[in-house]
Amino acid sequence: MTKSGLRALLKKKRDSLSPEERKKLSREASARVVESSVWKRCRKIALYCPIKSEADPEYIKNAALREKKTLLYPKCLGNEMEFFASDGKSGFSVSRFGIPEPQGSEPETDFSDTLMIIPCLGVDEKFFRLGWGGGFYDRFFARHRPAAAIGFVFSLQIVPSVFPEAHDAALDGTASEKGLVLRG
């Protein structure tokens, strides 16, 4: 199977979940993250605004706000991606990719105490991520490394291999409704 074929298959599987199932499974996966030791040691939480049928980190956002953690959201600037502080509620505009992005003016530069929750079409058993193919997260990881980068998925998106290439960066873990699995 090719990467594009795997993308189509995983998108179809994810789309097959009802909105109610996606909400329930997203909340269960979120609980695994919020109960973890990596959550407890990080002061900043980098999230994303879900589109279409992606796992929704809303519960993580709400927990971060309750615990007064700093929220960061991605914004694509040309071919690069930066993260900006946000309250997670306002100040977003829709990007050229149809994704809500924050309007912050100063990108975050220190990710040493950041837990990054990352959307994926798929994640494999070696923690490689399959995204849409734009390479934004891979280029970001070449410049910055958070305390932990966790793929946030439904368990049906975990596959034996996503056919990683030399430029692909492995994640530090995967969170799904079945649990949080950390590398190493």
N, C-alpha and C. Protein backbone atom coordinates (compact mmCIF):
# COMPACT_ATOMS: atom_id res chain seq x y z
N MET A 1 0.84 -1.18 0.00
CA MET A 1 0.00 0.00 0.00
C MET A 1 0.89 1.25 0.00
N THR A 2 0.43 2.29 -0.65
CA THR A 2 1.15 3.56 -0.69
C THR A 2 0.69 4.46 0.46
N LYS A 3 1.47 5.51 0.71
CA LYS A 3 1.06 6.47 1.74
C LYS A 3 -0.27 7.11 1.39
N SER A 4 -0.46 7.47 0.12
CA SER A 4 -1.73 8.10 -0.26
C SER A 4 -2.89 7.12 -0.10
N GLY A 5 -2.66 5.85 -0.40
CA GLY A 5 -3.70 4.84 -0.21
C GLY A 5 -4.02 4.66 1.27
N LEU A 6 -2.98 4.67 2.11
CA LEU A 6 -3.18 4.54 3.55
C LEU A 6 -3.93 5.76 4.09
N ARG A 7 -3.58 6.96 3.60
CA ARG A 7 -4.32 8.17 4.01
C ARG A 7 -5.80 8.03 3.71
N ALA A 8 -6.12 7.60 2.50
CA ALA A 8 -7.52 7.46 2.10
C ALA A 8 -8.24 6.42 2.96
N LEU A 9 -7.58 5.29 3.22
CA LEU A 9 -8.18 4.24 4.04
C LEU A 9 -8.44 4.72 5.47
N LEU A 10 -7.44 5.37 6.08
CA LEU A 10 -7.60 5.81 7.47
C LEU A 10 -8.62 6.94 7.59
N LYS A 11 -8.66 7.82 6.61
CA LYS A 11 -9.67 8.88 6.62
C LYS A 11 -11.07 8.27 6.53
N LYS A 12 -11.22 7.27 5.68
CA LYS A 12 -12.52 6.60 5.54
C LYS A 12 -12.93 5.92 6.85
N LYS A 13 -11.98 5.25 7.50
CA LYS A 13 -12.27 4.58 8.77
C LYS A 13 -12.67 5.60 9.84
N ARG A 14 -11.91 6.70 9.90
CA ARG A 14 -12.21 7.75 10.88
C ARG A 14 -13.56 8.39 10.59
N ASP A 15 -13.84 8.64 9.32
CA ASP A 15 -15.12 9.24 8.93
C ASP A 15 -16.31 8.32 9.23
N SER A 16 -16.05 7.03 9.36
CA SER A 16 -17.14 6.07 9.61
C SER A 16 -17.68 6.17 11.04
N LEU A 17 -16.91 6.79 11.94
CA LEU A 17 -17.38 6.98 13.31
C LEU A 17 -18.46 8.05 13.35
N SER A 18 -19.51 7.82 14.10
CA SER A 18 -20.56 8.83 14.23
C SER A 18 -20.04 10.00 15.06
N PRO A 19 -20.64 11.16 14.95
CA PRO A 19 -20.22 12.29 15.79
C PRO A 19 -20.25 11.95 17.28
N GLU A 20 -21.25 11.16 17.70
CA GLU A 20 -21.35 10.77 19.11
C GLU A 20 -20.19 9.87 19.51
N GLU A 21 -19.83 8.92 18.64
CA GLU A 21 -18.68 8.04 18.91
C GLU A 21 -17.38 8.84 18.99
N ARG A 22 -17.20 9.76 18.03
CA ARG A 22 -15.98 10.59 18.03
C ARG A 22 -15.88 11.41 19.32
N LYS A 23 -16.98 11.96 19.77
CA LYS A 23 -16.97 12.75 21.01
C LYS A 23 -16.60 11.88 22.20
N LYS A 24 -17.21 10.71 22.30
CA LYS A 24 -16.96 9.80 23.41
C LYS A 24 -15.50 9.32 23.41
N LEU A 25 -15.02 8.89 22.25
CA LEU A 25 -13.65 8.38 22.14
C LEU A 25 -12.62 9.49 22.36
N SER A 26 -12.93 10.69 21.88
CA SER A 26 -12.04 11.84 22.11
C SER A 26 -11.91 12.14 23.59
N ARG A 27 -13.02 12.10 24.28
CA ARG A 27 -13.00 12.37 25.73
C ARG A 27 -12.20 11.28 26.47
N GLU A 28 -12.37 10.02 26.07
CA GLU A 28 -11.62 8.93 26.70
C GLU A 28 -10.12 9.07 26.44
N ALA A 29 -9.75 9.42 25.20
CA ALA A 29 -8.33 9.61 24.89
C ALA A 29 -7.77 10.81 25.66
N SER A 30 -8.57 11.86 25.78
CA SER A 30 -8.15 13.05 26.52
C SER A 30 -7.90 12.72 27.98
N ALA A 31 -8.77 11.91 28.56
CA ALA A 31 -8.60 11.53 29.97
C ALA A 31 -7.27 10.82 30.18
N ARG A 32 -6.85 10.00 29.22
CA ARG A 32 -5.57 9.29 29.33
C ARG A 32 -4.42 10.30 29.40
N VAL A 33 -4.53 11.37 28.62
CA VAL A 33 -3.48 12.39 28.60
C VAL A 33 -3.46 13.16 29.91
N VAL A 34 -4.62 13.62 30.35
CA VAL A 34 -4.72 14.48 31.53
C VAL A 34 -4.35 13.73 32.82
N GLU A 35 -4.44 12.42 32.82
CA GLU A 35 -4.08 11.61 33.99
C GLU A 35 -2.59 11.24 34.00
N SER A 36 -1.85 11.63 32.97
CA SER A 36 -0.47 11.14 32.81
C SER A 36 0.56 11.96 33.57
N SER A 37 1.72 11.35 33.78
CA SER A 37 2.82 12.06 34.44
C SER A 37 3.37 13.16 33.55
N VAL A 38 3.37 12.97 32.23
CA VAL A 38 3.87 14.01 31.33
C VAL A 38 2.98 15.26 31.41
N TRP A 39 1.68 15.07 31.58
CA TRP A 39 0.76 16.19 31.77
C TRP A 39 1.14 16.99 33.02
N LYS A 40 1.38 16.28 34.08
CA LYS A 40 1.66 16.92 35.37
C LYS A 40 2.93 17.77 35.33
N ARG A 41 3.93 17.35 34.55
CA ARG A 41 5.20 18.08 34.56
C ARG A 41 5.28 19.21 33.53
N CYS A 42 4.30 19.31 32.64
CA CYS A 42 4.34 20.35 31.61
C CYS A 42 3.45 21.54 31.97
N ARG A 43 3.97 22.74 31.76
CA ARG A 43 3.22 23.97 32.06
C ARG A 43 2.51 24.51 30.83
N LYS A 44 2.95 24.08 29.63
CA LYS A 44 2.34 24.54 28.38
C LYS A 44 1.78 23.33 27.64
N ILE A 45 0.61 23.55 27.04
CA ILE A 45 -0.04 22.50 26.27
C ILE A 45 -0.30 23.03 24.86
N ALA A 46 0.31 22.40 23.88
CA ALA A 46 0.09 22.77 22.48
C ALA A 46 -1.00 21.86 21.92
N LEU A 47 -2.04 22.48 21.41
CA LEU A 47 -3.20 21.75 20.88
C LEU A 47 -3.41 22.10 19.41
N TYR A 48 -4.54 21.71 18.89
CA TYR A 48 -4.95 22.05 17.53
C TYR A 48 -6.47 22.18 17.53
N CYS A 49 -6.98 22.89 16.55
CA CYS A 49 -8.43 22.98 16.36
C CYS A 49 -8.81 21.87 15.39
N PRO A 50 -9.62 20.91 15.83
CA PRO A 50 -9.93 19.77 14.96
C PRO A 50 -10.79 20.19 13.77
N ILE A 51 -10.54 19.51 12.67
CA ILE A 51 -11.37 19.70 11.48
C ILE A 51 -11.92 18.34 11.06
N LYS A 52 -13.04 18.41 10.42
CA LYS A 52 -13.70 17.21 9.90
C LYS A 52 -13.88 16.18 11.02
N SER A 53 -13.33 14.99 10.84
CA SER A 53 -13.58 13.92 11.81
C SER A 53 -12.40 13.65 12.73
N GLU A 54 -11.50 14.62 12.89
CA GLU A 54 -10.33 14.43 13.76
C GLU A 54 -10.75 14.26 15.22
N ALA A 55 -9.93 13.53 15.97
CA ALA A 55 -10.12 13.43 17.41
C ALA A 55 -10.07 14.85 17.99
N ASP A 56 -10.98 15.15 18.90
CA ASP A 56 -11.15 16.51 19.41
C ASP A 56 -10.52 16.66 20.80
N PRO A 57 -9.51 17.52 20.95
CA PRO A 57 -8.85 17.71 22.24
C PRO A 57 -9.54 18.74 23.15
N GLU A 58 -10.81 18.97 22.97
CA GLU A 58 -11.55 19.96 23.76
C GLU A 58 -11.43 19.72 25.27
N TYR A 59 -11.55 18.47 25.69
CA TYR A 59 -11.43 18.14 27.11
C TYR A 59 -10.04 18.48 27.65
N ILE A 60 -9.02 18.26 26.84
CA ILE A 60 -7.64 18.62 27.23
C ILE A 60 -7.54 20.13 27.39
N LYS A 61 -8.11 20.86 26.44
CA LYS A 61 -8.11 22.32 26.52
C LYS A 61 -8.77 22.79 27.82
N ASN A 62 -9.94 22.24 28.13
CA ASN A 62 -10.65 22.65 29.34
C ASN A 62 -9.86 22.32 30.61
N ALA A 63 -9.22 21.16 30.63
CA ALA A 63 -8.40 20.79 31.79
C ALA A 63 -7.21 21.74 31.92
N ALA A 64 -6.59 22.10 30.81
CA ALA A 64 -5.46 23.03 30.84
C ALA A 64 -5.90 24.39 31.38
N LEU A 65 -7.05 24.86 30.94
CA LEU A 65 -7.57 26.14 31.43
C LEU A 65 -7.84 26.09 32.94
N ARG A 66 -8.45 24.99 33.40
CA ARG A 66 -8.72 24.83 34.84
C ARG A 66 -7.43 24.86 35.65
N GLU A 67 -6.39 24.25 35.10
CA GLU A 67 -5.11 24.16 35.81
C GLU A 67 -4.18 25.32 35.50
N LYS A 68 -4.69 26.30 34.76
CA LYS A 68 -3.94 27.53 34.44
C LYS A 68 -2.64 27.24 33.68
N LYS A 69 -2.70 26.25 32.79
CA LYS A 69 -1.57 25.98 31.90
C LYS A 69 -1.70 26.90 30.68
N THR A 70 -0.59 27.22 30.07
CA THR A 70 -0.60 28.05 28.87
C THR A 70 -0.98 27.19 27.67
N LEU A 71 -1.94 27.68 26.87
CA LEU A 71 -2.34 26.99 25.65
C LEU A 71 -1.61 27.57 24.46
N LEU A 72 -1.14 26.70 23.59
CA LEU A 72 -0.49 27.10 22.34
C LEU A 72 -1.21 26.44 21.18
N TYR A 73 -1.34 27.18 20.07
CA TYR A 73 -1.98 26.65 18.87
C TYR A 73 -1.10 26.94 17.66
N PRO A 74 -1.12 26.03 16.66
CA PRO A 74 -0.27 26.21 15.49
C PRO A 74 -0.84 27.20 14.47
N LYS A 75 0.10 27.81 13.76
CA LYS A 75 -0.25 28.71 12.67
C LYS A 75 0.79 28.50 11.58
N CYS A 76 0.34 28.28 10.35
CA CYS A 76 1.25 28.09 9.23
C CYS A 76 1.62 29.45 8.65
N LEU A 77 2.93 29.68 8.57
CA LEU A 77 3.47 30.91 8.00
C LEU A 77 4.36 30.50 6.84
N GLY A 78 3.85 30.65 5.63
CA GLY A 78 4.57 30.14 4.46
C GLY A 78 4.63 28.62 4.55
N ASN A 79 5.85 28.08 4.49
CA ASN A 79 6.03 26.62 4.58
C ASN A 79 6.41 26.16 5.97
N GLU A 80 6.39 27.07 6.93
CA GLU A 80 6.75 26.73 8.30
C GLU A 80 5.53 26.84 9.21
N MET A 81 5.62 26.21 10.35
CA MET A 81 4.56 26.27 11.34
C MET A 81 5.16 26.81 12.63
N GLU A 82 4.43 27.71 13.27
CA GLU A 82 4.82 28.27 14.57
C GLU A 82 3.65 28.08 15.52
N PHE A 83 3.92 28.18 16.82
CA PHE A 83 2.87 28.08 17.83
C PHE A 83 2.74 29.39 18.57
N PHE A 84 1.49 29.77 18.85
CA PHE A 84 1.18 31.03 19.51
C PHE A 84 0.29 30.78 20.72
N ALA A 85 0.50 31.56 21.77
CA ALA A 85 -0.34 31.46 22.96
C ALA A 85 -1.75 31.92 22.61
N SER A 86 -2.74 31.28 23.24
CA SER A 86 -4.14 31.60 22.99
C SER A 86 -4.96 31.17 24.20
N ASP A 87 -6.12 31.80 24.34
CA ASP A 87 -7.04 31.34 25.39
C ASP A 87 -7.87 30.15 24.92
N GLY A 88 -7.70 29.76 23.66
CA GLY A 88 -8.41 28.61 23.12
C GLY A 88 -9.86 28.88 22.78
N LYS A 89 -10.30 30.12 22.93
CA LYS A 89 -11.71 30.45 22.71
C LYS A 89 -11.93 31.50 21.63
N SER A 90 -11.04 32.48 21.56
CA SER A 90 -11.25 33.59 20.63
C SER A 90 -9.96 33.94 19.92
N GLY A 91 -10.07 34.83 18.93
CA GLY A 91 -8.88 35.28 18.22
C GLY A 91 -8.37 34.31 17.19
N PHE A 92 -9.24 33.51 16.60
CA PHE A 92 -8.85 32.57 15.56
C PHE A 92 -9.41 33.03 14.21
N SER A 93 -8.65 32.76 13.16
CA SER A 93 -9.18 32.97 11.81
C SER A 93 -8.86 31.71 11.00
N VAL A 94 -9.59 31.51 9.92
CA VAL A 94 -9.45 30.29 9.13
C VAL A 94 -8.29 30.46 8.14
N SER A 95 -7.40 29.48 8.13
CA SER A 95 -6.21 29.51 7.27
C SER A 95 -6.54 29.11 5.85
N ARG A 96 -5.53 29.15 5.02
CA ARG A 96 -5.68 28.72 3.62
C ARG A 96 -6.01 27.24 3.51
N PHE A 97 -5.77 26.47 4.60
CA PHE A 97 -6.08 25.05 4.62
C PHE A 97 -7.46 24.77 5.24
N GLY A 98 -8.17 25.84 5.63
CA GLY A 98 -9.47 25.68 6.26
C GLY A 98 -9.40 25.33 7.74
N ILE A 99 -8.25 25.61 8.36
CA ILE A 99 -8.02 25.27 9.77
C ILE A 99 -8.01 26.55 10.60
N PRO A 100 -8.75 26.61 11.71
CA PRO A 100 -8.67 27.80 12.57
C PRO A 100 -7.26 27.95 13.15
N GLU A 101 -6.72 29.17 13.04
CA GLU A 101 -5.38 29.48 13.55
C GLU A 101 -5.45 30.69 14.46
N PRO A 102 -4.55 30.76 15.46
CA PRO A 102 -4.54 31.89 16.39
C PRO A 102 -4.00 33.15 15.70
N GLN A 103 -4.35 34.29 16.26
CA GLN A 103 -3.91 35.56 15.70
C GLN A 103 -2.72 36.16 16.45
N GLY A 104 -2.06 35.40 17.30
CA GLY A 104 -0.93 35.91 18.08
C GLY A 104 0.14 36.53 17.21
N SER A 105 0.90 37.45 17.78
CA SER A 105 1.94 38.13 17.01
C SER A 105 3.35 37.63 17.33
N GLU A 106 3.54 37.07 18.52
CA GLU A 106 4.87 36.57 18.91
C GLU A 106 4.83 35.05 19.07
N PRO A 107 5.53 34.32 18.20
CA PRO A 107 5.52 32.86 18.35
C PRO A 107 6.28 32.41 19.59
N GLU A 108 5.86 31.29 20.13
CA GLU A 108 6.55 30.66 21.25
C GLU A 108 7.91 30.16 20.76
N THR A 109 8.92 30.27 21.61
CA THR A 109 10.25 29.80 21.23
C THR A 109 10.80 28.72 22.17
N ASP A 110 10.23 28.60 23.36
CA ASP A 110 10.71 27.62 24.34
C ASP A 110 9.67 26.53 24.53
N PHE A 111 10.01 25.33 24.11
CA PHE A 111 9.08 24.21 24.21
C PHE A 111 9.54 23.16 25.22
N SER A 112 10.50 23.52 26.06
CA SER A 112 11.08 22.56 26.99
C SER A 112 10.08 22.03 28.02
N ASP A 113 9.03 22.79 28.30
CA ASP A 113 8.01 22.34 29.25
C ASP A 113 6.64 22.27 28.58
N THR A 114 6.65 21.85 27.30
CA THR A 114 5.43 21.80 26.49
C THR A 114 5.05 20.37 26.15
N LEU A 115 3.81 20.04 26.41
CA LEU A 115 3.19 18.79 25.94
C LEU A 115 2.45 19.15 24.66
N MET A 116 2.85 18.54 23.57
CA MET A 116 2.25 18.84 22.27
C MET A 116 1.32 17.70 21.87
N ILE A 117 0.06 18.03 21.65
CA ILE A 117 -0.97 17.08 21.22
C ILE A 117 -1.16 17.28 19.72
N ILE A 118 -0.93 16.23 18.95
CA ILE A 118 -0.81 16.37 17.50
C ILE A 118 -1.87 15.56 16.76
N PRO A 119 -2.55 16.21 15.79
CA PRO A 119 -3.53 15.47 14.99
C PRO A 119 -2.81 14.55 14.01
N CYS A 120 -3.43 13.41 13.72
CA CYS A 120 -2.82 12.44 12.82
C CYS A 120 -3.92 11.76 12.01
N LEU A 121 -3.59 11.39 10.80
CA LEU A 121 -4.45 10.45 10.07
C LEU A 121 -4.15 9.04 10.55
N GLY A 122 -2.90 8.81 10.90
CA GLY A 122 -2.49 7.51 11.41
C GLY A 122 -1.21 7.62 12.19
N VAL A 123 -0.97 6.64 13.03
CA VAL A 123 0.27 6.51 13.80
C VAL A 123 0.64 5.03 13.77
N ASP A 124 1.94 4.78 13.66
CA ASP A 124 2.32 3.37 13.64
C ASP A 124 2.92 2.93 14.97
N GLU A 125 3.26 1.65 15.02
CA GLU A 125 3.74 1.04 16.26
C GLU A 125 5.11 1.57 16.69
N LYS A 126 5.81 2.27 15.79
CA LYS A 126 7.10 2.88 16.13
C LYS A 126 6.95 4.39 16.35
N PHE A 127 5.71 4.84 16.47
CA PHE A 127 5.36 6.23 16.78
C PHE A 127 5.62 7.22 15.65
N PHE A 128 5.65 6.72 14.42
CA PHE A 128 5.71 7.63 13.28
C PHE A 128 4.29 8.04 12.93
N ARG A 129 4.15 9.31 12.57
CA ARG A 129 2.86 9.93 12.30
C ARG A 129 2.62 10.02 10.80
N LEU A 130 1.37 9.78 10.42
CA LEU A 130 0.94 10.03 9.05
C LEU A 130 0.00 11.22 9.09
N GLY A 131 0.40 12.30 8.43
CA GLY A 131 -0.45 13.48 8.34
C GLY A 131 -0.97 13.62 6.92
N TRP A 132 -1.24 14.85 6.53
CA TRP A 132 -1.78 15.10 5.20
C TRP A 132 -0.70 15.19 4.13
N GLY A 133 0.57 15.16 4.54
CA GLY A 133 1.66 15.16 3.57
C GLY A 133 2.33 16.50 3.36
N GLY A 134 1.95 17.52 4.12
CA GLY A 134 2.56 18.83 3.96
C GLY A 134 3.90 18.97 4.65
N GLY A 135 4.19 18.12 5.63
CA GLY A 135 5.48 18.14 6.32
C GLY A 135 5.65 19.24 7.35
N PHE A 136 4.57 19.93 7.72
CA PHE A 136 4.68 21.05 8.66
C PHE A 136 5.21 20.61 10.03
N TYR A 137 4.66 19.52 10.57
CA TYR A 137 5.14 19.06 11.88
C TYR A 137 6.58 18.55 11.79
N ASP A 138 6.94 17.84 10.73
CA ASP A 138 8.31 17.35 10.58
C ASP A 138 9.30 18.52 10.52
N ARG A 139 8.98 19.56 9.77
CA ARG A 139 9.87 20.73 9.71
C ARG A 139 9.92 21.44 11.06
N PHE A 140 8.79 21.50 11.76
CA PHE A 140 8.78 22.12 13.08
C PHE A 140 9.70 21.35 14.03
N PHE A 141 9.60 20.01 14.03
CA PHE A 141 10.41 19.18 14.92
C PHE A 141 11.91 19.25 14.56
N ALA A 142 12.24 19.58 13.34
CA ALA A 142 13.64 19.76 12.98
C ALA A 142 14.22 21.01 13.64
N ARG A 143 13.35 21.96 14.00
CA ARG A 143 13.79 23.22 14.62
C ARG A 143 13.55 23.27 16.13
N HIS A 144 12.51 22.58 16.59
CA HIS A 144 12.12 22.62 18.01
C HIS A 144 11.74 21.21 18.46
N ARG A 145 11.99 20.94 19.72
CA ARG A 145 11.53 19.65 20.26
C ARG A 145 10.83 19.91 21.59
N PRO A 146 9.54 19.57 21.67
CA PRO A 146 8.82 19.76 22.93
C PRO A 146 9.23 18.71 23.96
N ALA A 147 8.80 18.92 25.21
CA ALA A 147 9.03 17.92 26.26
C ALA A 147 8.45 16.58 25.83
N ALA A 148 7.27 16.62 25.20
CA ALA A 148 6.64 15.40 24.69
C ALA A 148 5.71 15.76 23.54
N ALA A 149 5.78 14.98 22.47
CA ALA A 149 4.89 15.12 21.32
C ALA A 149 4.06 13.85 21.23
N ILE A 150 2.75 14.00 21.40
CA ILE A 150 1.83 12.86 21.47
C ILE A 150 0.85 12.90 20.31
N GLY A 151 0.81 11.82 19.54
CA GLY A 151 -0.20 11.69 18.49
C GLY A 151 -1.55 11.42 19.14
N PHE A 152 -2.57 12.16 18.74
CA PHE A 152 -3.90 12.07 19.35
C PHE A 152 -4.86 11.48 18.33
N VAL A 153 -5.27 10.23 18.55
CA VAL A 153 -6.01 9.47 17.54
C VAL A 153 -7.09 8.60 18.17
N PHE A 154 -7.90 8.05 17.30
CA PHE A 154 -8.80 6.95 17.68
C PHE A 154 -8.00 5.66 17.44
N SER A 155 -8.26 4.63 18.21
CA SER A 155 -7.45 3.40 18.10
C SER A 155 -7.49 2.80 16.70
N LEU A 156 -8.56 3.03 15.95
CA LEU A 156 -8.63 2.48 14.59
C LEU A 156 -7.64 3.16 13.64
N GLN A 157 -6.96 4.21 14.11
CA GLN A 157 -5.96 4.90 13.30
C GLN A 157 -4.54 4.42 13.59
N ILE A 158 -4.39 3.49 14.51
CA ILE A 158 -3.06 2.94 14.83
C ILE A 158 -2.83 1.72 13.94
N VAL A 159 -1.74 1.77 13.18
CA VAL A 159 -1.46 0.75 12.18
C VAL A 159 -0.04 0.22 12.36
N PRO A 160 0.29 -0.92 11.76
CA PRO A 160 1.65 -1.45 11.90
C PRO A 160 2.72 -0.52 11.35
N SER A 161 2.48 0.13 10.19
CA SER A 161 3.47 1.04 9.62
C SER A 161 2.77 2.12 8.79
N VAL A 162 3.31 3.34 8.86
CA VAL A 162 2.84 4.43 8.01
C VAL A 162 3.86 4.73 6.92
N PHE A 163 4.82 3.80 6.72
CA PHE A 163 5.84 3.92 5.70
C PHE A 163 6.68 5.19 5.88
N PRO A 164 7.34 5.32 7.06
CA PRO A 164 8.11 6.54 7.32
C PRO A 164 9.29 6.69 6.36
N GLU A 165 9.61 7.95 6.11
CA GLU A 165 10.75 8.30 5.26
C GLU A 165 11.82 8.94 6.14
N ALA A 166 12.99 9.17 5.59
CA ALA A 166 14.12 9.67 6.37
C ALA A 166 13.82 10.99 7.09
N HIS A 167 13.01 11.85 6.50
CA HIS A 167 12.72 13.16 7.10
C HIS A 167 11.62 13.10 8.17
N ASP A 168 10.93 11.99 8.31
CA ASP A 168 9.83 11.87 9.26
C ASP A 168 10.36 11.77 10.69
N ALA A 169 9.78 12.55 11.58
CA ALA A 169 10.18 12.55 12.99
C ALA A 169 9.22 11.67 13.79
N ALA A 170 9.76 10.78 14.59
CA ALA A 170 8.92 9.94 15.46
C ALA A 170 8.36 10.78 16.60
N LEU A 171 7.16 10.43 17.02
CA LEU A 171 6.52 11.07 18.17
C LEU A 171 7.03 10.41 19.45
N ASP A 172 6.68 11.00 20.58
CA ASP A 172 7.06 10.44 21.87
C ASP A 172 6.00 9.50 22.42
N GLY A 173 4.82 9.50 21.81
CA GLY A 173 3.76 8.63 22.27
C GLY A 173 2.52 8.77 21.45
N THR A 174 1.54 7.93 21.79
CA THR A 174 0.24 7.94 21.13
C THR A 174 -0.84 7.86 22.20
N ALA A 175 -1.85 8.72 22.08
CA ALA A 175 -3.01 8.68 22.97
C ALA A 175 -4.24 8.32 22.16
N SER A 176 -4.96 7.32 22.63
CA SER A 176 -6.24 6.94 22.05
C SER A 176 -7.16 6.57 23.20
N GLU A 177 -8.37 6.20 22.87
CA GLU A 177 -9.31 5.79 23.91
C GLU A 177 -8.83 4.56 24.67
N LYS A 178 -7.90 3.82 24.08
CA LYS A 178 -7.40 2.61 24.72
C LYS A 178 -6.23 2.86 25.66
N GLY A 179 -5.68 4.07 25.64
CA GLY A 179 -4.60 4.39 26.54
C GLY A 179 -3.57 5.34 25.97
N LEU A 180 -2.64 5.72 26.80
CA LEU A 180 -1.50 6.54 26.41
C LEU A 180 -0.27 5.63 26.45
N VAL A 181 0.37 5.50 25.30
CA VAL A 181 1.57 4.67 25.18
C VAL A 181 2.73 5.59 24.85
N LEU A 182 3.75 5.56 25.70
CA LEU A 182 4.93 6.40 25.49
C LEU A 182 6.07 5.56 24.95
N ARG A 183 6.86 6.18 24.10
CA ARG A 183 8.02 5.51 23.49
C ARG A 183 9.10 5.31 24.54
N GLY A 184 9.80 4.18 24.45
CA GLY A 184 10.94 3.95 25.35
C GLY A 184 10.53 3.43 26.61
